[in-house]
Structure formats: C-alpha cells, structure tokens
Amino acid sequence: MFLFCSSTVALVLFQYSSTTRVLKVLVLFQYSSSTSVVTVFVLLQYSSSTKVVTVLDLLRYSNSTRVVTVLVLLQYSSLRRVVTVLVLLQYSSSTRVVTVLVLFQYSPGRNGHSALIPLL
C-alpha cells in the first residue's frame, strides 16, 4: 500500500496479489483552491485466470461554474468475450442542464463482430 498526501493532492495505491488473483486500486484526490475544482479519479482492477474486471471513475466538480462531471468506464472480459460500458453524466446547476451519454460495446470473440451501441 502506498499513500501520499499534501495540501492539495492525495494519492492511494493498494495492490493485492496471489497465485491466481490480482487486485489493484488507485485513488487520486485533487483540490485547487484557485479554481475551486475538486477532482477524484478511481481505478479498480480485478483479475483472475478466466476474467478481468476494470472500473475507471472520474468525478469533477467546479464550484465557480457549478458543474458536476462524472465519467465511468466498466469493462468485463471473460475468455474471448468483452463487454464495455461507458457512461458520461454532466449536470450544471446554473443552467439546470443534464447531459447523459451511455455507450455499450459487446464483442463475442475473435470470429464474432463487435457492436458499439449508443444507448442514450
């Protein structure tokens, strides 16, 4: 485990390893007092001999513009199949506008075809 902290940045790295399983967690927290922006970045990865799960999360909040942005990437892989989901959510309290984008991709394997489907 690794931990780093300062007045504006915090970083945590945790790694677990065994004969067949691997878990990695990375968390980054950043605050800027000059721009009033908070950014949180999270990366989680779990792996075994048959499957891999990866989660990437980004959260950003700006106090000056009152905008919240969330980006999430989820990927699951098992043998030859890969499923990827990407979600983007943005909300502005000043304009009261919500933006949502969801993409879904499924790949059945080497001989199959991959499909990228915008859900919203």
N, C-alpha and C. Protein backbone atom coordinates (compact mmCIF):
# COMPACT_ATOMS: atom_id res chain seq x y z
N MET A 1 0.84 -1.18 0.00
CA MET A 1 0.00 0.00 0.00
C MET A 1 0.88 1.24 0.00
N PHE A 2 0.49 2.20 -0.81
CA PHE A 2 1.23 3.45 -0.92
C PHE A 2 0.27 4.60 -0.66
N LEU A 3 0.69 5.57 0.14
CA LEU A 3 -0.15 6.72 0.46
C LEU A 3 0.70 7.97 0.38
N PHE A 4 0.18 8.99 -0.34
CA PHE A 4 0.85 10.27 -0.45
C PHE A 4 -0.19 11.36 -0.22
N CYS A 5 0.13 12.32 0.64
CA CYS A 5 -0.78 13.42 0.91
C CYS A 5 -0.02 14.73 0.95
N SER A 6 -0.65 15.74 0.39
CA SER A 6 -0.16 17.11 0.52
C SER A 6 -1.38 17.99 0.76
N SER A 7 -1.20 19.29 0.71
CA SER A 7 -2.33 20.19 0.98
C SER A 7 -3.37 20.16 -0.13
N THR A 8 -2.99 19.76 -1.33
CA THR A 8 -3.94 19.77 -2.46
C THR A 8 -4.12 18.43 -3.14
N VAL A 9 -3.27 17.44 -2.83
CA VAL A 9 -3.31 16.16 -3.53
C VAL A 9 -3.21 15.02 -2.52
N ALA A 10 -4.02 13.98 -2.76
CA ALA A 10 -3.91 12.73 -2.00
C ALA A 10 -3.91 11.58 -3.00
N LEU A 11 -3.00 10.65 -2.82
CA LEU A 11 -2.87 9.51 -3.72
C LEU A 11 -2.78 8.24 -2.88
N VAL A 12 -3.62 7.25 -3.21
CA VAL A 12 -3.61 5.97 -2.52
C VAL A 12 -3.48 4.88 -3.57
N LEU A 13 -2.55 3.99 -3.38
CA LEU A 13 -2.36 2.85 -4.26
C LEU A 13 -2.32 1.59 -3.40
N PHE A 14 -3.22 0.67 -3.70
CA PHE A 14 -3.29 -0.60 -2.98
C PHE A 14 -3.20 -1.71 -4.00
N GLN A 15 -2.36 -2.68 -3.76
CA GLN A 15 -2.19 -3.79 -4.69
C GLN A 15 -2.18 -5.09 -3.91
N TYR A 16 -2.99 -6.03 -4.33
CA TYR A 16 -3.05 -7.35 -3.69
C TYR A 16 -2.72 -8.38 -4.75
N SER A 17 -1.90 -9.33 -4.41
CA SER A 17 -1.52 -10.34 -5.38
C SER A 17 -1.52 -11.70 -4.72
N SER A 18 -1.96 -12.67 -5.47
CA SER A 18 -1.93 -14.06 -5.04
C SER A 18 -1.56 -14.90 -6.25
N THR A 19 -1.66 -16.19 -6.16
CA THR A 19 -1.23 -17.01 -7.29
C THR A 19 -2.11 -16.84 -8.51
N THR A 20 -3.41 -16.66 -8.33
CA THR A 20 -4.31 -16.53 -9.48
C THR A 20 -5.10 -15.23 -9.49
N ARG A 21 -5.07 -14.46 -8.42
CA ARG A 21 -5.90 -13.24 -8.36
C ARG A 21 -5.02 -12.01 -8.19
N VAL A 22 -5.41 -10.91 -8.81
CA VAL A 22 -4.72 -9.63 -8.69
C VAL A 22 -5.77 -8.56 -8.49
N LEU A 23 -5.59 -7.71 -7.52
CA LEU A 23 -6.48 -6.58 -7.27
C LEU A 23 -5.64 -5.33 -7.16
N LYS A 24 -5.97 -4.31 -7.93
CA LYS A 24 -5.27 -3.04 -7.89
C LYS A 24 -6.29 -1.93 -7.69
N VAL A 25 -6.01 -1.02 -6.79
CA VAL A 25 -6.88 0.12 -6.54
C VAL A 25 -6.02 1.37 -6.51
N LEU A 26 -6.42 2.36 -7.29
CA LEU A 26 -5.72 3.64 -7.34
C LEU A 26 -6.75 4.73 -7.13
N VAL A 27 -6.52 5.59 -6.15
CA VAL A 27 -7.42 6.70 -5.87
C VAL A 27 -6.59 7.98 -5.84
N LEU A 28 -7.02 8.96 -6.62
CA LEU A 28 -6.35 10.26 -6.66
C LEU A 28 -7.37 11.33 -6.34
N PHE A 29 -7.07 12.15 -5.36
CA PHE A 29 -7.93 13.27 -4.98
C PHE A 29 -7.13 14.55 -5.16
N GLN A 30 -7.71 15.52 -5.87
CA GLN A 30 -7.01 16.78 -6.11
C GLN A 30 -7.97 17.94 -5.88
N TYR A 31 -7.48 18.96 -5.20
CA TYR A 31 -8.28 20.16 -4.97
C TYR A 31 -7.44 21.38 -5.34
N SER A 32 -8.04 22.27 -6.09
CA SER A 32 -7.38 23.52 -6.45
C SER A 32 -8.15 24.67 -5.83
N SER A 33 -7.53 25.38 -4.92
CA SER A 33 -8.21 26.50 -4.26
C SER A 33 -8.34 27.70 -5.19
N SER A 34 -7.44 27.84 -6.15
CA SER A 34 -7.52 28.99 -7.06
C SER A 34 -8.69 28.86 -8.03
N THR A 35 -8.98 27.64 -8.49
CA THR A 35 -10.08 27.43 -9.43
C THR A 35 -11.30 26.80 -8.78
N SER A 36 -11.20 26.43 -7.52
CA SER A 36 -12.29 25.76 -6.78
C SER A 36 -12.78 24.52 -7.50
N VAL A 37 -11.84 23.70 -7.93
CA VAL A 37 -12.16 22.47 -8.64
C VAL A 37 -11.69 21.27 -7.81
N VAL A 38 -12.61 20.32 -7.64
CA VAL A 38 -12.29 19.06 -6.97
C VAL A 38 -12.33 17.95 -8.01
N THR A 39 -11.27 17.15 -8.06
CA THR A 39 -11.20 16.04 -9.00
C THR A 39 -10.89 14.76 -8.22
N VAL A 40 -11.67 13.72 -8.47
CA VAL A 40 -11.44 12.41 -7.86
C VAL A 40 -11.34 11.39 -8.99
N PHE A 41 -10.27 10.63 -8.99
CA PHE A 41 -10.03 9.62 -10.00
C PHE A 41 -9.87 8.28 -9.29
N VAL A 42 -10.64 7.27 -9.72
CA VAL A 42 -10.59 5.94 -9.10
C VAL A 42 -10.39 4.90 -10.20
N LEU A 43 -9.43 4.04 -10.01
CA LEU A 43 -9.19 2.92 -10.92
C LEU A 43 -9.18 1.65 -10.09
N LEU A 44 -10.05 0.71 -10.46
CA LEU A 44 -10.15 -0.57 -9.77
C LEU A 44 -10.01 -1.66 -10.80
N GLN A 45 -9.13 -2.60 -10.55
CA GLN A 45 -8.96 -3.72 -11.48
C GLN A 45 -8.87 -5.01 -10.69
N TYR A 46 -9.68 -5.97 -11.10
CA TYR A 46 -9.65 -7.31 -10.52
C TYR A 46 -9.35 -8.28 -11.64
N SER A 47 -8.50 -9.21 -11.39
CA SER A 47 -8.11 -10.15 -12.44
C SER A 47 -7.99 -11.55 -11.86
N SER A 48 -8.38 -12.51 -12.64
CA SER A 48 -8.12 -13.91 -12.33
C SER A 48 -7.76 -14.60 -13.63
N SER A 49 -7.60 -15.88 -13.61
CA SER A 49 -7.16 -16.58 -14.82
C SER A 49 -8.22 -16.59 -15.91
N THR A 50 -9.49 -16.41 -15.55
CA THR A 50 -10.55 -16.50 -16.56
C THR A 50 -11.26 -15.19 -16.83
N LYS A 51 -11.16 -14.21 -15.94
CA LYS A 51 -11.91 -12.98 -16.17
C LYS A 51 -11.15 -11.76 -15.64
N VAL A 52 -11.47 -10.62 -16.24
CA VAL A 52 -10.87 -9.34 -15.84
C VAL A 52 -11.99 -8.32 -15.74
N VAL A 53 -12.03 -7.61 -14.63
CA VAL A 53 -12.99 -6.54 -14.45
C VAL A 53 -12.20 -5.26 -14.18
N THR A 54 -12.47 -4.21 -14.96
CA THR A 54 -11.81 -2.93 -14.80
C THR A 54 -12.88 -1.84 -14.66
N VAL A 55 -12.73 -1.02 -13.63
CA VAL A 55 -13.65 0.10 -13.41
C VAL A 55 -12.81 1.36 -13.31
N LEU A 56 -13.17 2.34 -14.11
CA LEU A 56 -12.50 3.64 -14.10
C LEU A 56 -13.56 4.69 -13.83
N ASP A 57 -13.33 5.52 -12.83
CA ASP A 57 -14.31 6.52 -12.43
C ASP A 57 -13.62 7.86 -12.28
N LEU A 58 -14.20 8.88 -12.88
CA LEU A 58 -13.67 10.23 -12.77
C LEU A 58 -14.81 11.14 -12.35
N LEU A 59 -14.61 11.87 -11.27
CA LEU A 59 -15.59 12.82 -10.77
C LEU A 59 -14.92 14.18 -10.69
N ARG A 60 -15.57 15.18 -11.26
CA ARG A 60 -15.01 16.54 -11.25
C ARG A 60 -16.12 17.51 -10.89
N TYR A 61 -15.82 18.37 -9.94
CA TYR A 61 -16.78 19.40 -9.54
C TYR A 61 -16.09 20.76 -9.53
N SER A 62 -16.72 21.71 -10.20
CA SER A 62 -16.20 23.07 -10.22
C SER A 62 -17.18 23.96 -9.47
N ASN A 63 -16.70 24.58 -8.40
CA ASN A 63 -17.55 25.45 -7.61
C ASN A 63 -17.86 26.76 -8.33
N SER A 64 -16.93 27.24 -9.14
CA SER A 64 -17.15 28.51 -9.83
C SER A 64 -18.20 28.38 -10.94
N THR A 65 -18.18 27.28 -11.68
CA THR A 65 -19.15 27.09 -12.76
C THR A 65 -20.33 26.23 -12.32
N ARG A 66 -20.27 25.64 -11.13
CA ARG A 66 -21.33 24.78 -10.61
C ARG A 66 -21.66 23.63 -11.56
N VAL A 67 -20.63 23.00 -12.06
CA VAL A 67 -20.79 21.88 -13.00
C VAL A 67 -20.19 20.63 -12.37
N VAL A 68 -20.97 19.55 -12.40
CA VAL A 68 -20.50 18.25 -11.93
C VAL A 68 -20.37 17.34 -13.14
N THR A 69 -19.22 16.70 -13.29
CA THR A 69 -18.98 15.78 -14.39
C THR A 69 -18.57 14.42 -13.81
N VAL A 70 -19.24 13.37 -14.28
CA VAL A 70 -18.91 12.01 -13.85
C VAL A 70 -18.69 11.17 -15.10
N LEU A 71 -17.59 10.49 -15.15
CA LEU A 71 -17.26 9.59 -16.25
C LEU A 71 -16.93 8.23 -15.67
N VAL A 72 -17.65 7.21 -16.12
CA VAL A 72 -17.45 5.85 -15.61
C VAL A 72 -17.22 4.92 -16.79
N LEU A 73 -16.17 4.13 -16.71
CA LEU A 73 -15.87 3.11 -17.70
C LEU A 73 -15.81 1.77 -16.99
N LEU A 74 -16.62 0.84 -17.46
CA LEU A 74 -16.65 -0.51 -16.89
C LEU A 74 -16.35 -1.50 -18.00
N GLN A 75 -15.40 -2.37 -17.75
CA GLN A 75 -15.06 -3.38 -18.76
C GLN A 75 -14.96 -4.74 -18.09
N TYR A 76 -15.62 -5.70 -18.71
CA TYR A 76 -15.60 -7.09 -18.23
C TYR A 76 -15.12 -7.97 -19.37
N SER A 77 -14.17 -8.81 -19.07
CA SER A 77 -13.62 -9.70 -20.08
C SER A 77 -13.58 -11.11 -19.50
N SER A 78 -14.13 -12.05 -20.26
CA SER A 78 -14.12 -13.45 -19.86
C SER A 78 -13.81 -14.28 -21.09
N LEU A 79 -12.69 -14.98 -21.05
CA LEU A 79 -12.21 -15.76 -22.18
C LEU A 79 -12.14 -14.87 -23.42
N ARG A 80 -13.04 -15.05 -24.38
CA ARG A 80 -12.98 -14.24 -25.61
C ARG A 80 -14.00 -13.11 -25.62
N ARG A 81 -14.91 -13.09 -24.67
CA ARG A 81 -15.97 -12.08 -24.67
C ARG A 81 -15.52 -10.84 -23.91
N VAL A 82 -15.87 -9.69 -24.47
CA VAL A 82 -15.55 -8.41 -23.83
C VAL A 82 -16.81 -7.54 -23.84
N VAL A 83 -17.16 -7.03 -22.68
CA VAL A 83 -18.28 -6.10 -22.55
C VAL A 83 -17.73 -4.80 -21.99
N THR A 84 -18.02 -3.69 -22.67
CA THR A 84 -17.56 -2.38 -22.24
C THR A 84 -18.76 -1.44 -22.15
N VAL A 85 -18.84 -0.72 -21.04
CA VAL A 85 -19.90 0.28 -20.84
C VAL A 85 -19.23 1.59 -20.44
N LEU A 86 -19.59 2.65 -21.15
CA LEU A 86 -19.07 3.98 -20.88
C LEU A 86 -20.24 4.90 -20.57
N VAL A 87 -20.18 5.58 -19.43
CA VAL A 87 -21.26 6.48 -19.01
C VAL A 87 -20.66 7.85 -18.73
N LEU A 88 -21.24 8.87 -19.34
CA LEU A 88 -20.85 10.25 -19.09
C LEU A 88 -22.08 11.00 -18.59
N LEU A 89 -21.96 11.63 -17.45
CA LEU A 89 -23.05 12.39 -16.87
C LEU A 89 -22.51 13.76 -16.49
N GLN A 90 -23.21 14.79 -16.92
CA GLN A 90 -22.81 16.15 -16.59
C GLN A 90 -24.04 16.94 -16.17
N TYR A 91 -23.90 17.68 -15.07
CA TYR A 91 -25.00 18.49 -14.57
C TYR A 91 -24.51 19.88 -14.25
N SER A 92 -25.23 20.87 -14.73
CA SER A 92 -24.94 22.27 -14.44
C SER A 92 -26.09 22.84 -13.63
N SER A 93 -25.80 23.28 -12.40
CA SER A 93 -26.86 23.83 -11.57
C SER A 93 -27.23 25.25 -12.00
N SER A 94 -26.32 25.96 -12.63
CA SER A 94 -26.64 27.31 -13.07
C SER A 94 -27.59 27.31 -14.26
N THR A 95 -27.39 26.41 -15.21
CA THR A 95 -28.27 26.33 -16.38
C THR A 95 -29.32 25.23 -16.26
N ARG A 96 -29.19 24.38 -15.23
CA ARG A 96 -30.09 23.26 -14.99
C ARG A 96 -30.18 22.33 -16.20
N VAL A 97 -29.03 22.05 -16.77
CA VAL A 97 -28.95 21.16 -17.93
C VAL A 97 -28.25 19.87 -17.49
N VAL A 98 -28.86 18.75 -17.85
CA VAL A 98 -28.28 17.44 -17.58
C VAL A 98 -27.92 16.80 -18.92
N THR A 99 -26.69 16.35 -19.03
CA THR A 99 -26.22 15.66 -20.23
C THR A 99 -25.84 14.25 -19.85
N VAL A 100 -26.39 13.28 -20.58
CA VAL A 100 -26.11 11.87 -20.30
C VAL A 100 -25.74 11.19 -21.61
N LEU A 101 -24.66 10.46 -21.60
CA LEU A 101 -24.23 9.67 -22.75
C LEU A 101 -23.86 8.28 -22.25
N VAL A 102 -24.46 7.26 -22.84
CA VAL A 102 -24.17 5.88 -22.47
C VAL A 102 -23.81 5.11 -23.72
N LEU A 103 -22.65 4.47 -23.72
CA LEU A 103 -22.22 3.62 -24.83
C LEU A 103 -22.02 2.21 -24.32
N PHE A 104 -22.45 1.24 -25.10
CA PHE A 104 -22.33 -0.17 -24.74
C PHE A 104 -21.67 -0.90 -25.91
N GLN A 105 -20.64 -1.68 -25.60
CA GLN A 105 -19.97 -2.45 -26.64
C GLN A 105 -19.83 -3.90 -26.17
N TYR A 106 -20.19 -4.80 -27.08
CA TYR A 106 -20.08 -6.23 -26.80
C TYR A 106 -19.31 -6.88 -27.93
N SER A 107 -18.30 -7.63 -27.58
CA SER A 107 -17.51 -8.35 -28.57
C SER A 107 -17.54 -9.83 -28.20
N PRO A 108 -18.16 -10.67 -29.03
CA PRO A 108 -18.33 -12.08 -28.68
C PRO A 108 -17.06 -12.92 -28.83
N GLY A 109 -16.05 -12.43 -29.50
CA GLY A 109 -14.84 -13.22 -29.64
C GLY A 109 -14.10 -12.91 -30.91
N ARG A 110 -13.13 -13.72 -31.22
CA ARG A 110 -12.27 -13.47 -32.38
C ARG A 110 -13.03 -13.50 -33.70
N ASN A 111 -13.92 -14.46 -33.87
CA ASN A 111 -14.63 -14.59 -35.14
C ASN A 111 -15.91 -13.79 -35.18
N GLY A 112 -16.35 -13.28 -34.03
CA GLY A 112 -17.60 -12.53 -33.97
C GLY A 112 -17.37 -11.07 -34.31
N HIS A 113 -18.45 -10.35 -34.38
CA HIS A 113 -18.40 -8.93 -34.69
C HIS A 113 -18.62 -8.11 -33.44
N SER A 114 -17.99 -6.97 -33.37
CA SER A 114 -18.14 -6.08 -32.25
C SER A 114 -19.20 -5.03 -32.59
N ALA A 115 -20.00 -4.65 -31.58
CA ALA A 115 -21.06 -3.67 -31.80
C ALA A 115 -20.93 -2.57 -30.77
N LEU A 116 -20.89 -1.32 -31.23
CA LEU A 116 -20.90 -0.16 -30.35
C LEU A 116 -22.28 0.45 -30.44
N ILE A 117 -22.99 0.45 -29.30
CA ILE A 117 -24.40 0.86 -29.31
C ILE A 117 -24.56 2.07 -28.40
N PRO A 118 -24.91 3.24 -28.96
CA PRO A 118 -25.25 4.37 -28.08
C PRO A 118 -26.63 4.15 -27.49
N LEU A 119 -26.71 4.12 -26.17
CA LEU A 119 -27.98 3.83 -25.51
C LEU A 119 -28.80 5.07 -25.25
N LEU A 120 -28.16 6.21 -25.10
CA LEU A 120 -28.89 7.41 -24.80
C LEU A 120 -28.19 8.61 -25.40
